[in-house]
């Protein structure tokens, strides 16, 4: 993102001092990710995204009430905060590509594993909480 901003800035969208709001967005993202990580640690399940088969507990409370993937939401907010901070249009190309790649390479395989591990409990959770963010009724 920095390289795009530096060498292919396209247009300056967010000027000083407004670009500093990116720090707030990034901090919110870090806070969400840390809250999710802390909840995983509290229940004693794995935080390793490369091997979801080691999950011993399906966390559905805390920040997991609003997103099945709050750690990833936190990462995306961190990227969006960085894009705001940089201020030009070109860094905004990265977050959507990151979301697509993360969904295909990481989240979909994780969901298959969680379904296999937790069965109907995961199916029910998946029906009530969106993959990214929000609240289903």
N, C-alpha and C. Protein backbone atom coordinates (compact mmCIF):
# COMPACT_ATOMS: atom_id res chain seq x y z
N UNK A 1 0.83 -1.18 0.00
CA UNK A 1 0.00 0.00 0.00
C UNK A 1 0.88 1.25 0.00
N UNK A 2 1.95 1.19 0.78
CA UNK A 2 2.86 2.33 0.81
C UNK A 2 3.48 2.55 -0.56
N UNK A 3 3.88 1.46 -1.22
CA UNK A 3 4.50 1.58 -2.54
C UNK A 3 3.52 2.17 -3.55
N UNK A 4 2.27 1.73 -3.51
CA UNK A 4 1.26 2.29 -4.41
C UNK A 4 1.08 3.78 -4.14
N UNK A 5 1.03 4.15 -2.88
CA UNK A 5 0.88 5.56 -2.52
C UNK A 5 2.09 6.37 -2.97
N UNK A 6 3.24 5.80 -2.81
CA UNK A 6 4.49 6.51 -3.11
C UNK A 6 4.72 6.66 -4.61
N UNK A 7 4.52 5.57 -5.36
CA UNK A 7 4.90 5.58 -6.77
C UNK A 7 3.74 5.66 -7.76
N UNK A 8 2.52 5.35 -7.30
CA UNK A 8 1.35 5.43 -8.16
C UNK A 8 0.19 6.03 -7.34
N UNK A 9 0.34 7.27 -6.91
CA UNK A 9 -0.66 7.82 -5.98
C UNK A 9 -2.04 8.10 -6.57
N UNK A 10 -2.19 8.06 -7.86
CA UNK A 10 -3.46 8.34 -8.55
C UNK A 10 -4.02 9.71 -8.17
N UNK A 11 -4.71 9.82 -7.07
CA UNK A 11 -5.28 11.11 -6.66
C UNK A 11 -5.21 11.21 -5.15
N UNK A 12 -5.05 12.40 -4.66
CA UNK A 12 -5.04 12.61 -3.21
C UNK A 12 -6.48 12.76 -2.75
N UNK A 13 -7.00 11.77 -2.02
CA UNK A 13 -8.38 11.77 -1.56
C UNK A 13 -8.55 12.42 -0.19
N UNK A 14 -7.60 12.14 0.68
CA UNK A 14 -7.75 12.57 2.07
C UNK A 14 -6.52 13.38 2.46
N UNK A 15 -6.72 14.66 2.69
CA UNK A 15 -5.60 15.56 3.00
C UNK A 15 -5.44 15.70 4.52
N UNK A 16 -4.29 16.21 4.88
CA UNK A 16 -4.02 16.52 6.29
C UNK A 16 -4.98 17.61 6.73
N UNK A 17 -5.43 17.62 7.90
CA UNK A 17 -5.16 16.68 9.00
C UNK A 17 -6.11 15.51 9.04
N UNK A 18 -7.05 15.43 8.07
CA UNK A 18 -8.08 14.39 8.10
C UNK A 18 -7.52 12.99 7.93
N UNK A 19 -6.38 12.89 7.31
CA UNK A 19 -5.79 11.56 7.11
C UNK A 19 -5.47 10.89 8.44
N UNK A 20 -5.35 11.65 9.49
CA UNK A 20 -5.03 11.08 10.82
C UNK A 20 -6.18 10.23 11.37
N UNK A 21 -7.37 10.40 10.83
CA UNK A 21 -8.48 9.54 11.23
C UNK A 21 -8.19 8.07 10.92
N UNK A 22 -7.28 7.86 10.00
CA UNK A 22 -6.86 6.49 9.71
C UNK A 22 -6.27 5.80 10.92
N UNK A 23 -5.62 6.57 11.77
CA UNK A 23 -5.08 6.00 13.01
C UNK A 23 -6.18 5.47 13.91
N UNK A 24 -7.29 6.17 13.96
CA UNK A 24 -8.43 5.74 14.76
C UNK A 24 -9.03 4.45 14.20
N UNK A 25 -9.21 4.40 12.88
CA UNK A 25 -9.76 3.21 12.24
C UNK A 25 -8.84 2.01 12.49
N UNK A 26 -7.54 2.23 12.33
CA UNK A 26 -6.58 1.15 12.57
C UNK A 26 -6.61 0.70 14.03
N UNK A 27 -6.71 1.64 14.95
CA UNK A 27 -6.76 1.30 16.38
C UNK A 27 -8.01 0.48 16.71
N UNK A 28 -9.13 0.82 16.11
CA UNK A 28 -10.35 0.05 16.30
C UNK A 28 -10.14 -1.38 15.79
N UNK A 29 -9.52 -1.49 14.64
CA UNK A 29 -9.23 -2.81 14.08
C UNK A 29 -8.35 -3.64 14.99
N UNK A 30 -7.31 -3.03 15.52
CA UNK A 30 -6.42 -3.74 16.45
C UNK A 30 -7.19 -4.15 17.70
N UNK A 31 -8.04 -3.25 18.21
CA UNK A 31 -8.83 -3.56 19.39
C UNK A 31 -9.75 -4.75 19.19
N UNK A 32 -10.40 -4.81 18.04
CA UNK A 32 -11.30 -5.93 17.72
C UNK A 32 -10.50 -7.23 17.64
N UNK A 33 -9.38 -7.20 16.95
CA UNK A 33 -8.56 -8.40 16.80
C UNK A 33 -8.02 -8.87 18.15
N UNK A 34 -7.58 -7.94 18.98
CA UNK A 34 -7.06 -8.30 20.31
C UNK A 34 -8.17 -8.89 21.18
N UNK A 35 -9.38 -8.32 21.11
CA UNK A 35 -10.51 -8.85 21.88
C UNK A 35 -10.82 -10.28 21.46
N UNK A 36 -10.78 -10.56 20.16
CA UNK A 36 -11.03 -11.91 19.66
C UNK A 36 -9.93 -12.86 20.12
N UNK A 37 -8.70 -12.44 19.99
CA UNK A 37 -7.57 -13.25 20.42
C UNK A 37 -7.66 -13.56 21.91
N UNK A 38 -8.00 -12.56 22.71
CA UNK A 38 -8.12 -12.75 24.15
C UNK A 38 -9.21 -13.76 24.48
N UNK A 39 -10.32 -13.69 23.75
CA UNK A 39 -11.42 -14.63 24.01
C UNK A 39 -11.00 -16.06 23.67
N UNK A 40 -10.26 -16.25 22.58
CA UNK A 40 -9.73 -17.57 22.24
C UNK A 40 -8.83 -18.09 23.35
N UNK A 41 -7.97 -17.23 23.86
CA UNK A 41 -7.06 -17.62 24.95
C UNK A 41 -7.84 -17.99 26.21
N UNK A 42 -8.91 -17.23 26.52
CA UNK A 42 -9.71 -17.49 27.71
C UNK A 42 -10.33 -18.88 27.69
N UNK A 43 -10.80 -19.30 26.54
CA UNK A 43 -11.45 -20.61 26.46
C UNK A 43 -10.46 -21.73 26.15
N UNK A 44 -9.22 -21.37 25.87
CA UNK A 44 -8.17 -22.37 25.66
C UNK A 44 -8.20 -23.06 24.31
N UNK A 45 -8.68 -22.38 23.29
CA UNK A 45 -8.66 -22.96 21.95
C UNK A 45 -7.53 -22.34 21.14
N UNK A 46 -7.22 -22.96 20.03
CA UNK A 46 -6.10 -22.50 19.21
C UNK A 46 -6.37 -21.14 18.56
N UNK A 47 -5.33 -20.38 18.41
CA UNK A 47 -5.40 -19.11 17.68
C UNK A 47 -4.66 -19.23 16.36
N UNK A 48 -4.17 -20.41 16.06
CA UNK A 48 -3.40 -20.65 14.85
C UNK A 48 -4.33 -20.80 13.64
N UNK A 49 -4.35 -19.83 12.74
CA UNK A 49 -5.26 -19.91 11.60
C UNK A 49 -4.83 -20.93 10.55
N UNK A 50 -3.60 -21.43 10.63
CA UNK A 50 -3.14 -22.39 9.62
C UNK A 50 -3.60 -23.81 9.92
N UNK A 51 -4.12 -24.06 11.13
CA UNK A 51 -4.60 -25.40 11.45
C UNK A 51 -5.87 -25.34 12.30
N UNK A 52 -6.99 -24.97 11.68
CA UNK A 52 -8.25 -24.86 12.43
C UNK A 52 -8.74 -26.19 12.99
N UNK A 53 -8.17 -27.30 12.51
CA UNK A 53 -8.60 -28.60 13.02
C UNK A 53 -8.22 -28.80 14.49
N UNK A 54 -7.37 -27.95 15.01
CA UNK A 54 -6.97 -28.01 16.42
C UNK A 54 -7.92 -27.23 17.33
N UNK A 55 -8.97 -26.64 16.74
CA UNK A 55 -9.94 -25.89 17.55
C UNK A 55 -10.63 -26.85 18.51
N UNK A 56 -10.69 -26.45 19.77
CA UNK A 56 -11.32 -27.29 20.79
C UNK A 56 -12.62 -26.69 21.30
N UNK A 57 -12.94 -25.49 20.85
CA UNK A 57 -14.11 -24.78 21.37
C UNK A 57 -14.61 -23.82 20.30
N UNK A 58 -15.92 -23.77 20.11
CA UNK A 58 -16.51 -22.84 19.16
C UNK A 58 -16.89 -21.57 19.93
N UNK A 59 -16.17 -20.50 19.70
CA UNK A 59 -16.42 -19.23 20.39
C UNK A 59 -17.51 -18.48 19.65
N UNK A 60 -18.59 -18.15 20.37
CA UNK A 60 -19.73 -17.48 19.75
C UNK A 60 -20.15 -16.22 20.51
N UNK A 61 -19.40 -15.86 21.54
CA UNK A 61 -19.77 -14.69 22.34
C UNK A 61 -18.73 -13.58 22.16
N UNK A 62 -18.89 -12.50 22.88
CA UNK A 62 -17.97 -11.36 22.74
C UNK A 62 -18.08 -10.79 21.33
N UNK A 63 -16.95 -10.46 20.74
CA UNK A 63 -16.96 -9.88 19.39
C UNK A 63 -17.42 -10.89 18.34
N UNK A 64 -17.46 -12.17 18.71
CA UNK A 64 -17.93 -13.21 17.80
C UNK A 64 -19.45 -13.22 17.66
N UNK A 65 -20.14 -12.37 18.39
CA UNK A 65 -21.59 -12.19 18.22
C UNK A 65 -21.89 -11.37 16.98
N UNK A 66 -20.93 -10.59 16.51
CA UNK A 66 -21.12 -9.66 15.39
C UNK A 66 -20.41 -10.09 14.12
N UNK A 67 -19.45 -10.99 14.26
CA UNK A 67 -18.68 -11.46 13.12
C UNK A 67 -18.13 -12.85 13.43
N UNK A 68 -18.20 -13.75 12.45
CA UNK A 68 -17.57 -15.05 12.65
C UNK A 68 -16.06 -14.95 12.51
N UNK A 69 -15.59 -13.81 12.02
CA UNK A 69 -14.15 -13.64 11.77
C UNK A 69 -13.65 -12.28 12.25
N UNK A 70 -13.80 -11.96 13.53
CA UNK A 70 -13.42 -10.63 13.99
C UNK A 70 -11.92 -10.34 13.88
N UNK A 71 -11.09 -11.36 13.93
CA UNK A 71 -9.65 -11.10 13.75
C UNK A 71 -9.38 -10.61 12.34
N UNK A 72 -10.07 -11.20 11.38
CA UNK A 72 -9.90 -10.77 9.99
C UNK A 72 -10.54 -9.41 9.76
N UNK A 73 -11.67 -9.15 10.41
CA UNK A 73 -12.28 -7.81 10.33
C UNK A 73 -11.27 -6.79 10.87
N UNK A 74 -10.61 -7.13 11.98
CA UNK A 74 -9.59 -6.24 12.54
C UNK A 74 -8.46 -5.97 11.56
N UNK A 75 -8.02 -7.00 10.85
CA UNK A 75 -6.96 -6.81 9.85
C UNK A 75 -7.41 -5.90 8.72
N UNK A 76 -8.66 -6.10 8.28
CA UNK A 76 -9.18 -5.25 7.19
C UNK A 76 -9.29 -3.80 7.66
N UNK A 77 -9.76 -3.59 8.89
CA UNK A 77 -9.82 -2.22 9.42
C UNK A 77 -8.43 -1.60 9.54
N UNK A 78 -7.45 -2.41 9.89
CA UNK A 78 -6.07 -1.93 9.93
C UNK A 78 -5.62 -1.47 8.54
N UNK A 79 -5.94 -2.25 7.52
CA UNK A 79 -5.61 -1.85 6.14
C UNK A 79 -6.36 -0.60 5.72
N UNK A 80 -7.64 -0.52 6.08
CA UNK A 80 -8.42 0.67 5.73
C UNK A 80 -7.87 1.91 6.44
N UNK A 81 -7.49 1.74 7.70
CA UNK A 81 -6.87 2.85 8.43
C UNK A 81 -5.58 3.31 7.77
N UNK A 82 -4.79 2.36 7.32
CA UNK A 82 -3.53 2.69 6.63
C UNK A 82 -3.83 3.41 5.32
N UNK A 83 -4.86 2.96 4.59
CA UNK A 83 -5.24 3.63 3.34
C UNK A 83 -5.68 5.06 3.60
N UNK A 84 -6.46 5.27 4.66
CA UNK A 84 -6.89 6.63 5.03
C UNK A 84 -5.67 7.47 5.37
N UNK A 85 -4.77 6.91 6.16
CA UNK A 85 -3.57 7.64 6.59
C UNK A 85 -2.73 8.06 5.38
N UNK A 86 -2.59 7.15 4.42
CA UNK A 86 -1.78 7.47 3.24
C UNK A 86 -2.44 8.56 2.39
N UNK A 87 -3.76 8.52 2.31
CA UNK A 87 -4.49 9.62 1.70
C UNK A 87 -4.76 9.56 0.22
N UNK A 88 -4.01 8.78 -0.54
CA UNK A 88 -4.25 8.74 -1.97
C UNK A 88 -5.19 7.59 -2.33
N UNK A 89 -5.63 7.57 -3.58
CA UNK A 89 -6.61 6.58 -4.02
C UNK A 89 -6.01 5.19 -4.21
N UNK A 90 -4.78 5.10 -4.65
CA UNK A 90 -4.21 3.80 -5.03
C UNK A 90 -4.15 2.77 -3.90
N UNK A 91 -3.87 3.12 -2.64
CA UNK A 91 -3.85 2.09 -1.60
C UNK A 91 -5.21 1.41 -1.38
N UNK A 92 -6.28 2.04 -1.83
CA UNK A 92 -7.62 1.48 -1.66
C UNK A 92 -7.84 0.25 -2.54
N UNK A 93 -6.90 -0.03 -3.44
CA UNK A 93 -6.99 -1.25 -4.24
C UNK A 93 -6.70 -2.49 -3.41
N UNK A 94 -5.91 -2.35 -2.38
CA UNK A 94 -5.44 -3.51 -1.60
C UNK A 94 -6.52 -4.13 -0.71
N UNK A 95 -7.27 -3.38 0.10
CA UNK A 95 -8.23 -4.04 1.00
C UNK A 95 -9.24 -4.96 0.32
N UNK A 96 -9.86 -4.56 -0.80
CA UNK A 96 -10.79 -5.51 -1.44
C UNK A 96 -10.10 -6.78 -1.93
N UNK A 97 -8.91 -6.64 -2.46
CA UNK A 97 -8.16 -7.82 -2.91
C UNK A 97 -7.80 -8.71 -1.72
N UNK A 98 -7.44 -8.10 -0.60
CA UNK A 98 -7.15 -8.83 0.62
C UNK A 98 -8.37 -9.61 1.10
N UNK A 99 -9.54 -8.98 1.08
CA UNK A 99 -10.77 -9.64 1.51
C UNK A 99 -11.07 -10.84 0.62
N UNK A 100 -10.95 -10.68 -0.68
CA UNK A 100 -11.21 -11.78 -1.62
C UNK A 100 -10.24 -12.92 -1.39
N UNK A 101 -8.97 -12.61 -1.33
CA UNK A 101 -7.95 -13.63 -1.13
C UNK A 101 -8.13 -14.34 0.21
N UNK A 102 -8.35 -13.59 1.26
CA UNK A 102 -8.54 -14.16 2.60
C UNK A 102 -9.77 -15.05 2.64
N UNK A 103 -10.83 -14.64 2.00
CA UNK A 103 -12.06 -15.44 1.98
C UNK A 103 -11.83 -16.78 1.28
N UNK A 104 -11.20 -16.73 0.12
CA UNK A 104 -11.01 -17.94 -0.68
C UNK A 104 -9.95 -18.86 -0.07
N UNK A 105 -8.83 -18.30 0.34
CA UNK A 105 -7.70 -19.12 0.79
C UNK A 105 -7.81 -19.54 2.26
N UNK A 106 -8.40 -18.71 3.10
CA UNK A 106 -8.40 -18.98 4.53
C UNK A 106 -9.79 -19.26 5.10
N UNK A 107 -10.73 -18.37 4.88
CA UNK A 107 -12.01 -18.45 5.58
C UNK A 107 -12.85 -19.64 5.12
N UNK A 108 -12.98 -19.85 3.83
CA UNK A 108 -13.80 -20.96 3.35
C UNK A 108 -13.26 -22.31 3.83
N UNK A 109 -11.94 -22.56 3.74
CA UNK A 109 -11.44 -23.82 4.32
C UNK A 109 -11.65 -23.91 5.85
N UNK A 110 -11.51 -22.79 6.56
CA UNK A 110 -11.77 -22.80 8.00
C UNK A 110 -13.22 -23.18 8.28
N UNK A 111 -14.14 -22.62 7.50
CA UNK A 111 -15.56 -22.92 7.71
C UNK A 111 -15.86 -24.39 7.50
N UNK A 112 -15.25 -24.99 6.50
CA UNK A 112 -15.44 -26.44 6.28
C UNK A 112 -14.96 -27.23 7.49
N UNK A 113 -13.80 -26.86 8.00
CA UNK A 113 -13.24 -27.56 9.16
C UNK A 113 -14.11 -27.37 10.39
N UNK A 114 -14.57 -26.16 10.64
CA UNK A 114 -15.43 -25.91 11.81
C UNK A 114 -16.75 -26.66 11.69
N UNK A 115 -17.29 -26.76 10.49
CA UNK A 115 -18.51 -27.53 10.28
C UNK A 115 -18.26 -29.00 10.62
N UNK A 116 -17.15 -29.52 10.17
CA UNK A 116 -16.80 -30.91 10.45
C UNK A 116 -16.60 -31.13 11.96
N UNK A 117 -15.96 -30.19 12.63
CA UNK A 117 -15.66 -30.34 14.06
C UNK A 117 -16.88 -30.14 14.96
N UNK A 118 -17.69 -29.14 14.64
CA UNK A 118 -18.76 -28.73 15.57
C UNK A 118 -20.17 -28.98 15.06
N UNK A 119 -20.31 -29.46 13.84
CA UNK A 119 -21.60 -29.88 13.31
C UNK A 119 -22.70 -28.85 13.40
N UNK A 120 -23.83 -29.28 13.97
CA UNK A 120 -25.02 -28.43 14.04
C UNK A 120 -24.79 -27.16 14.84
N UNK A 121 -23.94 -27.22 15.85
CA UNK A 121 -23.63 -26.02 16.64
C UNK A 121 -23.04 -24.94 15.73
N UNK A 122 -22.13 -25.33 14.84
CA UNK A 122 -21.54 -24.37 13.91
C UNK A 122 -22.57 -23.91 12.87
N UNK A 123 -23.39 -24.84 12.38
CA UNK A 123 -24.42 -24.48 11.39
C UNK A 123 -25.35 -23.42 11.97
N UNK A 124 -25.77 -23.61 13.20
CA UNK A 124 -26.65 -22.65 13.86
C UNK A 124 -25.95 -21.29 14.03
N UNK A 125 -24.70 -21.33 14.44
CA UNK A 125 -23.92 -20.10 14.60
C UNK A 125 -23.77 -19.40 13.25
N UNK A 126 -23.48 -20.17 12.23
CA UNK A 126 -23.29 -19.60 10.89
C UNK A 126 -24.57 -18.94 10.38
N UNK A 127 -25.72 -19.51 10.73
CA UNK A 127 -27.00 -18.91 10.33
C UNK A 127 -27.27 -17.60 11.05
N UNK A 128 -26.77 -17.45 12.26
CA UNK A 128 -27.13 -16.28 13.07
C UNK A 128 -26.10 -15.15 13.04
N UNK A 129 -24.87 -15.44 12.62
CA UNK A 129 -23.81 -14.42 12.62
C UNK A 129 -23.15 -14.38 11.24
N UNK A 130 -23.03 -13.20 10.65
CA UNK A 130 -22.43 -13.10 9.31
C UNK A 130 -20.92 -13.38 9.31
N UNK A 131 -20.44 -13.73 8.16
CA UNK A 131 -19.02 -14.05 8.00
C UNK A 131 -18.15 -12.83 8.35
N UNK A 132 -18.56 -11.65 7.89
CA UNK A 132 -17.72 -10.47 8.09
C UNK A 132 -18.21 -9.60 9.24
N UNK A 133 -19.32 -8.95 9.10
CA UNK A 133 -19.77 -8.07 10.19
C UNK A 133 -21.26 -7.80 10.05
N UNK A 134 -21.90 -7.55 11.17
CA UNK A 134 -23.32 -7.23 11.17
C UNK A 134 -24.06 -8.01 12.22
N UNK A 135 -25.36 -8.05 12.09
CA UNK A 135 -26.19 -8.79 13.04
C UNK A 135 -27.39 -9.32 12.28
N UNK A 136 -27.56 -10.61 12.27
CA UNK A 136 -28.73 -11.21 11.64
C UNK A 136 -29.81 -11.40 12.69
N UNK A 137 -31.02 -11.30 12.27
CA UNK A 137 -32.15 -11.48 13.20
C UNK A 137 -32.76 -12.84 12.99
